[in-house]
PDB file of all heavy atoms in Angstrom:
ATOM      1  N   PRO A   1       0.829  -1.215   0.000  1.00  0.00           N
ATOM      2  CA  PRO A   1       0.000   0.001   0.000  1.00  0.00           C
ATOM      3  C   PRO A   1       0.859   1.264  -0.001  1.00  0.00           C
ATOM      4  O   PRO A   1       1.882   1.334   0.688  1.00  0.00           O
ATOM      5  CB  PRO A   1      -0.806  -0.129   1.301  1.00  0.00           C
ATOM      6  CG  PRO A   1      -0.857  -1.609   1.559  1.00  0.00           C
ATOM      7  CD  PRO A   1       0.460  -2.144   1.064  1.00  0.00           C
ATOM      8  N   GLU A   2       0.425   2.248  -0.769  1.00  0.00           N
ATOM      9  CA  GLU A   2       1.202   3.471  -0.970  1.00  0.00           C
ATOM     10  C   GLU A   2       1.438   4.251   0.315  1.00  0.00           C
ATOM     11  O   GLU A   2       2.430   4.970   0.426  1.00  0.00           O
ATOM     12  CB  GLU A   2       0.515   4.375  -2.000  1.00  0.00           C
ATOM     13  CG  GLU A   2       0.550   3.828  -3.414  1.00  0.00           C
ATOM     14  CD  GLU A   2       1.963   3.731  -3.971  1.00  0.00           C
ATOM     15  OE1 GLU A   2       2.785   4.614  -3.696  1.00  0.00           O
ATOM     16  OE2 GLU A   2       2.232   2.754  -4.682  1.00  0.00           O
ATOM     17  N   ASP A   3       0.531   4.132   1.288  1.00  0.00           N
ATOM     18  CA  ASP A   3       0.695   4.918   2.517  1.00  0.00           C
ATOM     19  C   ASP A   3       1.773   4.341   3.441  1.00  0.00           C
ATOM     20  O   ASP A   3       2.092   4.933   4.460  1.00  0.00           O
ATOM     21  CB  ASP A   3      -0.630   5.069   3.256  1.00  0.00           C
ATOM     22  CG  ASP A   3      -1.255   3.737   3.646  1.00  0.00           C
ATOM     23  OD1 ASP A   3      -1.060   2.762   2.922  1.00  0.00           O
ATOM     24  OD2 ASP A   3      -1.948   3.695   4.680  1.00  0.00           O
ATOM     25  N   ILE A   4       2.329   3.203   3.093  1.00  0.00           N
ATOM     26  CA  ILE A   4       3.450   2.646   3.840  1.00  0.00           C
ATOM     27  C   ILE A   4       4.715   3.114   3.127  1.00  0.00           C
ATOM     28  O   ILE A   4       5.020   2.681   2.025  1.00  0.00           O
ATOM     29  CB  ILE A   4       3.370   1.115   3.923  1.00  0.00           C
ATOM     30  CG1 ILE A   4       2.088   0.748   4.677  1.00  0.00           C
ATOM     31  CG2 ILE A   4       4.607   0.544   4.582  1.00  0.00           C
ATOM     32  CD1 ILE A   4       1.834  -0.700   4.834  1.00  0.00           C
ATOM     33  N   VAL A   5       5.408   4.018   3.783  1.00  0.00           N
ATOM     34  CA  VAL A   5       6.562   4.674   3.162  1.00  0.00           C
ATOM     35  C   VAL A   5       7.789   3.781   3.266  1.00  0.00           C
ATOM     36  O   VAL A   5       8.180   3.354   4.347  1.00  0.00           O
ATOM     37  CB  VAL A   5       6.819   6.043   3.834  1.00  0.00           C
ATOM     38  CG1 VAL A   5       8.020   6.722   3.197  1.00  0.00           C
ATOM     39  CG2 VAL A   5       5.590   6.913   3.742  1.00  0.00           C
ATOM     40  N   LEU A   6       8.334   3.483   2.108  1.00  0.00           N
ATOM     41  CA  LEU A   6       9.567   2.707   1.992  1.00  0.00           C
ATOM     42  C   LEU A   6      10.486   3.441   1.024  1.00  0.00           C
ATOM     43  O   LEU A   6      10.001   4.212   0.187  1.00  0.00           O
ATOM     44  CB  LEU A   6       9.273   1.318   1.426  1.00  0.00           C
ATOM     45  CG  LEU A   6       8.426   0.375   2.267  1.00  0.00           C
ATOM     46  CD1 LEU A   6       8.021  -0.838   1.449  1.00  0.00           C
ATOM     47  CD2 LEU A   6       9.172  -0.048   3.508  1.00  0.00           C
ATOM     48  N   PRO A   7      11.773   3.193   1.093  1.00  0.00           N
ATOM     49  CA  PRO A   7      12.636   3.777   0.061  1.00  0.00           C
ATOM     50  C   PRO A   7      12.150   3.361  -1.320  1.00  0.00           C
ATOM     51  O   PRO A   7      11.771   2.195  -1.518  1.00  0.00           O
ATOM     52  CB  PRO A   7      14.014   3.173   0.374  1.00  0.00           C
ATOM     53  CG  PRO A   7      13.941   2.818   1.826  1.00  0.00           C
ATOM     54  CD  PRO A   7      12.518   2.415   2.074  1.00  0.00           C
ATOM     55  N   PRO A   8      12.092   4.273  -2.284  1.00  0.00           N
ATOM     56  CA  PRO A   8      11.546   3.961  -3.616  1.00  0.00           C
ATOM     57  C   PRO A   8      12.198   2.743  -4.275  1.00  0.00           C
ATOM     58  O   PRO A   8      11.527   1.986  -4.972  1.00  0.00           O
ATOM     59  CB  PRO A   8      11.830   5.228  -4.432  1.00  0.00           C
ATOM     60  CG  PRO A   8      11.994   6.310  -3.424  1.00  0.00           C
ATOM     61  CD  PRO A   8      12.522   5.668  -2.180  1.00  0.00           C
ATOM     62  N   ALA A   9      13.464   2.535  -4.038  1.00  0.00           N
ATOM     63  CA  ALA A   9      14.157   1.408  -4.665  1.00  0.00           C
ATOM     64  C   ALA A   9      13.628   0.072  -4.157  1.00  0.00           C
ATOM     65  O   ALA A   9      13.753  -0.944  -4.845  1.00  0.00           O
ATOM     66  CB  ALA A   9      15.659   1.504  -4.412  1.00  0.00           C
ATOM     67  N   PHE A  10      13.033   0.037  -2.988  1.00  0.00           N
ATOM     68  CA  PHE A  10      12.514  -1.220  -2.439  1.00  0.00           C
ATOM     69  C   PHE A  10      11.400  -1.787  -3.308  1.00  0.00           C
ATOM     70  O   PHE A  10      11.348  -2.977  -3.569  1.00  0.00           O
ATOM     71  CB  PHE A  10      11.985  -1.026  -1.018  1.00  0.00           C
ATOM     72  CG  PHE A  10      13.052  -1.057   0.039  1.00  0.00           C
ATOM     73  CD1 PHE A  10      14.324  -0.566  -0.205  1.00  0.00           C
ATOM     74  CD2 PHE A  10      12.780  -1.566   1.292  1.00  0.00           C
ATOM     75  CE1 PHE A  10      15.300  -0.591   0.764  1.00  0.00           C
ATOM     76  CE2 PHE A  10      13.751  -1.598   2.274  1.00  0.00           C
ATOM     77  CZ  PHE A  10      15.016  -1.105   2.007  1.00  0.00           C
ATOM     78  N   ARG A  11      10.486  -0.946  -3.721  1.00  0.00           N
ATOM     79  CA  ARG A  11       9.333  -1.406  -4.516  1.00  0.00           C
ATOM     80  C   ARG A  11       9.759  -1.928  -5.880  1.00  0.00           C
ATOM     81  O   ARG A  11       9.194  -2.881  -6.379  1.00  0.00           O
ATOM     82  CB  ARG A  11       8.319  -0.296  -4.693  1.00  0.00           C
ATOM     83  CG  ARG A  11       7.620   0.105  -3.430  1.00  0.00           C
ATOM     84  CD  ARG A  11       6.609   1.217  -3.706  1.00  0.00           C
ATOM     85  NE  ARG A  11       6.234   1.912  -2.517  1.00  0.00           N
ATOM     86  CZ  ARG A  11       5.244   1.541  -1.709  1.00  0.00           C
ATOM     87  NH1 ARG A  11       4.522   0.500  -2.013  1.00  0.00           N
ATOM     88  NH2 ARG A  11       4.963   2.237  -0.636  1.00  0.00           N
ATOM     89  N   SER A  12      10.736  -1.289  -6.469  1.00  0.00           N
ATOM     90  CA  SER A  12      11.130  -1.661  -7.831  1.00  0.00           C
ATOM     91  C   SER A  12      12.257  -2.691  -7.889  1.00  0.00           C
ATOM     92  O   SER A  12      12.628  -3.145  -8.967  1.00  0.00           O
ATOM     93  CB  SER A  12      11.541  -0.399  -8.603  1.00  0.00           C
ATOM     94  OG  SER A  12      12.638   0.215  -7.962  1.00  0.00           O
ATOM     95  N   ALA A  13      12.779  -3.075  -6.745  1.00  0.00           N
ATOM     96  CA  ALA A  13      13.871  -4.048  -6.706  1.00  0.00           C
ATOM     97  C   ALA A  13      13.374  -5.435  -7.102  1.00  0.00           C
ATOM     98  O   ALA A  13      12.167  -5.704  -7.122  1.00  0.00           O
ATOM     99  CB  ALA A  13      14.475  -4.095  -5.314  1.00  0.00           C
ATOM    100  N   GLU A  14      14.295  -6.313  -7.417  1.00  0.00           N
ATOM    101  CA  GLU A  14      13.949  -7.716  -7.652  1.00  0.00           C
ATOM    102  C   GLU A  14      13.400  -8.294  -6.356  1.00  0.00           C
ATOM    103  O   GLU A  14      13.952  -8.034  -5.289  1.00  0.00           O
ATOM    104  CB  GLU A  14      15.191  -8.514  -8.069  1.00  0.00           C
ATOM    105  CG  GLU A  14      15.551  -8.398  -9.514  1.00  0.00           C
ATOM    106  CD  GLU A  14      14.502  -8.993 -10.433  1.00  0.00           C
ATOM    107  OE1 GLU A  14      14.039 -10.128 -10.193  1.00  0.00           O
ATOM    108  OE2 GLU A  14      14.134  -8.296 -11.392  1.00  0.00           O
ATOM    109  N   PRO A  15      12.338  -9.083  -6.423  1.00  0.00           N
ATOM    110  CA  PRO A  15      11.822  -9.688  -5.182  1.00  0.00           C
ATOM    111  C   PRO A  15      12.899 -10.533  -4.508  1.00  0.00           C
ATOM    112  O   PRO A  15      13.714 -11.174  -5.167  1.00  0.00           O
ATOM    113  CB  PRO A  15      10.670 -10.566  -5.666  1.00  0.00           C
ATOM    114  CG  PRO A  15      10.258  -9.971  -6.967  1.00  0.00           C
ATOM    115  CD  PRO A  15      11.531  -9.418  -7.588  1.00  0.00           C
ATOM    116  N   LEU A  16      12.881 -10.507  -3.198  1.00  0.00           N
ATOM    117  CA  LEU A  16      13.844 -11.248  -2.390  1.00  0.00           C
ATOM    118  C   LEU A  16      13.175 -12.534  -1.913  1.00  0.00           C
ATOM    119  O   LEU A  16      12.160 -12.501  -1.217  1.00  0.00           O
ATOM    120  CB  LEU A  16      14.281 -10.400  -1.199  1.00  0.00           C
ATOM    121  CG  LEU A  16      15.269 -11.013  -0.227  1.00  0.00           C
ATOM    122  CD1 LEU A  16      16.601 -11.276  -0.924  1.00  0.00           C
ATOM    123  CD2 LEU A  16      15.471 -10.092   0.957  1.00  0.00           C
ATOM    124  N   ASN A  17      13.723 -13.684  -2.312  1.00  0.00           N
ATOM    125  CA  ASN A  17      13.164 -14.984  -1.954  1.00  0.00           C
ATOM    126  C   ASN A  17      13.646 -15.404  -0.569  1.00  0.00           C
ATOM    127  O   ASN A  17      14.818 -15.722  -0.378  1.00  0.00           O
ATOM    128  CB  ASN A  17      13.568 -16.036  -2.990  1.00  0.00           C
ATOM    129  CG  ASN A  17      12.987 -17.393  -2.704  1.00  0.00           C
ATOM    130  OD1 ASN A  17      12.156 -17.577  -1.816  1.00  0.00           O
ATOM    131  ND2 ASN A  17      13.416 -18.382  -3.475  1.00  0.00           N
ATOM    132  N   LEU A  18      12.714 -15.436   0.392  1.00  0.00           N
ATOM    133  CA  LEU A  18      13.067 -15.848   1.751  1.00  0.00           C
ATOM    134  C   LEU A  18      13.340 -17.342   1.845  1.00  0.00           C
ATOM    135  O   LEU A  18      13.911 -17.809   2.823  1.00  0.00           O
ATOM    136  CB  LEU A  18      11.952 -15.453   2.728  1.00  0.00           C
ATOM    137  CG  LEU A  18      11.653 -13.963   2.834  1.00  0.00           C
ATOM    138  CD1 LEU A  18      10.497 -13.715   3.795  1.00  0.00           C
ATOM    139  CD2 LEU A  18      12.885 -13.179   3.255  1.00  0.00           C
ATOM    140  N   PHE A  19      12.932 -18.102   0.840  1.00  0.00           N
ATOM    141  CA  PHE A  19      13.159 -19.551   0.815  1.00  0.00           C
ATOM    142  C   PHE A  19      14.302 -19.937  -0.116  1.00  0.00           C
ATOM    143  O   PHE A  19      14.380 -21.072  -0.578  1.00  0.00           O
ATOM    144  CB  PHE A  19      11.885 -20.290   0.394  1.00  0.00           C
ATOM    145  CG  PHE A  19      10.832 -20.395   1.467  1.00  0.00           C
ATOM    146  CD1 PHE A  19       9.580 -20.871   1.154  1.00  0.00           C
ATOM    147  CD2 PHE A  19      11.088 -20.048   2.781  1.00  0.00           C
ATOM    148  CE1 PHE A  19       8.598 -20.988   2.134  1.00  0.00           C
ATOM    149  CE2 PHE A  19      10.118 -20.160   3.757  1.00  0.00           C
ATOM    150  CZ  PHE A  19       8.868 -20.632   3.435  1.00  0.00           C
ATOM    151  N   GLN A  20      15.220 -19.027  -0.396  1.00  0.00           N
ATOM    152  CA  GLN A  20      16.353 -19.306  -1.274  1.00  0.00           C
ATOM    153  C   GLN A  20      17.153 -20.500  -0.788  1.00  0.00           C
ATOM    154  O   GLN A  20      17.657 -21.287  -1.569  1.00  0.00           O
ATOM    155  CB  GLN A  20      17.256 -18.063  -1.390  1.00  0.00           C
ATOM    156  CG  GLN A  20      18.400 -18.219  -2.369  1.00  0.00           C
ATOM    157  CD  GLN A  20      17.929 -18.450  -3.799  1.00  0.00           C
ATOM    158  OE1 GLN A  20      16.942 -17.879  -4.246  1.00  0.00           O
ATOM    159  NE2 GLN A  20      18.641 -19.298  -4.528  1.00  0.00           N
ATOM    160  N   CYS A  21      17.237 -20.668   0.535  1.00  0.00           N
ATOM    161  CA  CYS A  21      17.999 -21.800   1.082  1.00  0.00           C
ATOM    162  C   CYS A  21      17.392 -23.132   0.644  1.00  0.00           C
ATOM    163  O   CYS A  21      18.111 -24.126   0.494  1.00  0.00           O
ATOM    164  CB  CYS A  21      18.053 -21.726   2.594  1.00  0.00           C
ATOM    165  SG  CYS A  21      16.435 -21.776   3.394  1.00  0.00           S
ATOM    166  N   LEU A  22      16.094 -23.181   0.387  1.00  0.00           N
ATOM    167  CA  LEU A  22      15.443 -24.419  -0.068  1.00  0.00           C
ATOM    168  C   LEU A  22      15.788 -24.731  -1.518  1.00  0.00           C
ATOM    169  O   LEU A  22      15.812 -25.894  -1.916  1.00  0.00           O
ATOM    170  CB  LEU A  22      13.919 -24.325   0.098  1.00  0.00           C
ATOM    171  CG  LEU A  22      13.413 -24.036   1.508  1.00  0.00           C
ATOM    172  CD1 LEU A  22      11.896 -23.993   1.522  1.00  0.00           C
ATOM    173  CD2 LEU A  22      13.948 -25.038   2.509  1.00  0.00           C
ATOM    174  N   VAL A  23      16.046 -23.696  -2.292  1.00  0.00           N
ATOM    175  CA  VAL A  23      16.461 -23.871  -3.685  1.00  0.00           C
ATOM    176  C   VAL A  23      17.859 -24.500  -3.721  1.00  0.00           C
ATOM    177  O   VAL A  23      18.136 -25.393  -4.518  1.00  0.00           O
ATOM    178  CB  VAL A  23      16.465 -22.522  -4.441  1.00  0.00           C
ATOM    179  CG1 VAL A  23      17.054 -22.662  -5.830  1.00  0.00           C
ATOM    180  CG2 VAL A  23      15.067 -21.931  -4.488  1.00  0.00           C
ATOM    181  N   GLN A  24      18.710 -24.025  -2.820  1.00  0.00           N
ATOM    182  CA  GLN A  24      20.108 -24.435  -2.829  1.00  0.00           C
ATOM    183  C   GLN A  24      20.368 -25.756  -2.109  1.00  0.00           C
ATOM    184  O   GLN A  24      21.393 -26.378  -2.338  1.00  0.00           O
ATOM    185  CB  GLN A  24      20.958 -23.329  -2.193  1.00  0.00           C
ATOM    186  CG  GLN A  24      20.882 -22.035  -2.964  1.00  0.00           C
ATOM    187  CD  GLN A  24      21.412 -20.842  -2.187  1.00  0.00           C
ATOM    188  OE1 GLN A  24      21.453 -20.839  -0.962  1.00  0.00           O
ATOM    189  NE2 GLN A  24      21.821 -19.818  -2.925  1.00  0.00           N
ATOM    190  N   ASP A  25      19.451 -26.179  -1.242  1.00  0.00           N
ATOM    191  CA  ASP A  25      19.696 -27.361  -0.414  1.00  0.00           C
ATOM    192  C   ASP A  25      18.482 -28.297  -0.455  1.00  0.00           C
ATOM    193  O   ASP A  25      17.508 -28.095   0.273  1.00  0.00           O
ATOM    194  CB  ASP A  25      19.986 -26.919   1.018  1.00  0.00           C
ATOM    195  CG  ASP A  25      20.350 -28.064   1.938  1.00  0.00           C
ATOM    196  OD1 ASP A  25      20.277 -29.237   1.527  1.00  0.00           O
ATOM    197  OD2 ASP A  25      20.726 -27.774   3.096  1.00  0.00           O
ATOM    198  N   PRO A  26      18.533 -29.340  -1.311  1.00  0.00           N
ATOM    199  CA  PRO A  26      17.396 -30.264  -1.426  1.00  0.00           C
ATOM    200  C   PRO A  26      17.021 -30.946  -0.102  1.00  0.00           C
ATOM    201  O   PRO A  26      15.847 -31.186   0.161  1.00  0.00           O
ATOM    202  CB  PRO A  26      17.876 -31.303  -2.447  1.00  0.00           C
ATOM    203  CG  PRO A  26      18.965 -30.629  -3.208  1.00  0.00           C
ATOM    204  CD  PRO A  26      19.596 -29.657  -2.250  1.00  0.00           C
ATOM    205  N   ALA A  27      17.993 -31.210   0.746  1.00  0.00           N
ATOM    206  CA  ALA A  27      17.701 -31.831   2.041  1.00  0.00           C
ATOM    207  C   ALA A  27      16.901 -30.876   2.930  1.00  0.00           C
ATOM    208  O   ALA A  27      15.972 -31.296   3.636  1.00  0.00           O
ATOM    209  CB  ALA A  27      18.988 -32.247   2.741  1.00  0.00           C
ATOM    210  N   ALA A  28      17.240 -29.602   2.874  1.00  0.00           N
ATOM    211  CA  ALA A  28      16.487 -28.594   3.644  1.00  0.00           C
ATOM    212  C   ALA A  28      15.062 -28.480   3.127  1.00  0.00           C
ATOM    213  O   ALA A  28      14.120 -28.301   3.907  1.00  0.00           O
ATOM    214  CB  ALA A  28      17.200 -27.242   3.580  1.00  0.00           C
ATOM    215  N   HIS A  29      14.906 -28.600   1.816  1.00  0.00           N
ATOM    216  CA  HIS A  29      13.566 -28.546   1.223  1.00  0.00           C
ATOM    217  C   HIS A  29      12.728 -29.732   1.692  1.00  0.00           C
ATOM    218  O   HIS A  29      11.569 -29.568   2.110  1.00  0.00           O
ATOM    219  CB  HIS A  29      13.659 -28.511  -0.309  1.00  0.00           C
ATOM    220  CG  HIS A  29      12.327 -28.421  -0.967  1.00  0.00           C
ATOM    221  ND1 HIS A  29      11.873 -29.387  -1.828  1.00  0.00           N
ATOM    222  CD2 HIS A  29      11.348 -27.502  -0.879  1.00  0.00           C
ATOM    223  CE1 HIS A  29      10.671 -29.057  -2.243  1.00  0.00           C
ATOM    224  NE2 HIS A  29      10.328 -27.921  -1.685  1.00  0.00           N
ATOM    225  N   THR A  30      13.299 -30.904   1.662  1.00  0.00           N
ATOM    226  CA  THR A  30      12.594 -32.110   2.118  1.00  0.00           C
ATOM    227  C   THR A  30      12.218 -31.981   3.591  1.00  0.00           C
ATOM    228  O   THR A  30      11.092 -32.293   3.983  1.00  0.00           O
ATOM    229  CB  THR A  30      13.478 -33.361   1.897  1.00  0.00           C
ATOM    230  OG1 THR A  30      13.765 -33.463   0.499  1.00  0.00           O
ATOM    231  CG2 THR A  30      12.795 -34.615   2.387  1.00  0.00           C
TER     232      THR A  30
END
């Protein structure tokens, strides 16, 4: 929502995957 002020670069940045560790580690995913 626009009324939540964040640095402008945050909205346009590449999304940050919080589950990146699951991509890199199949055992962690399992």
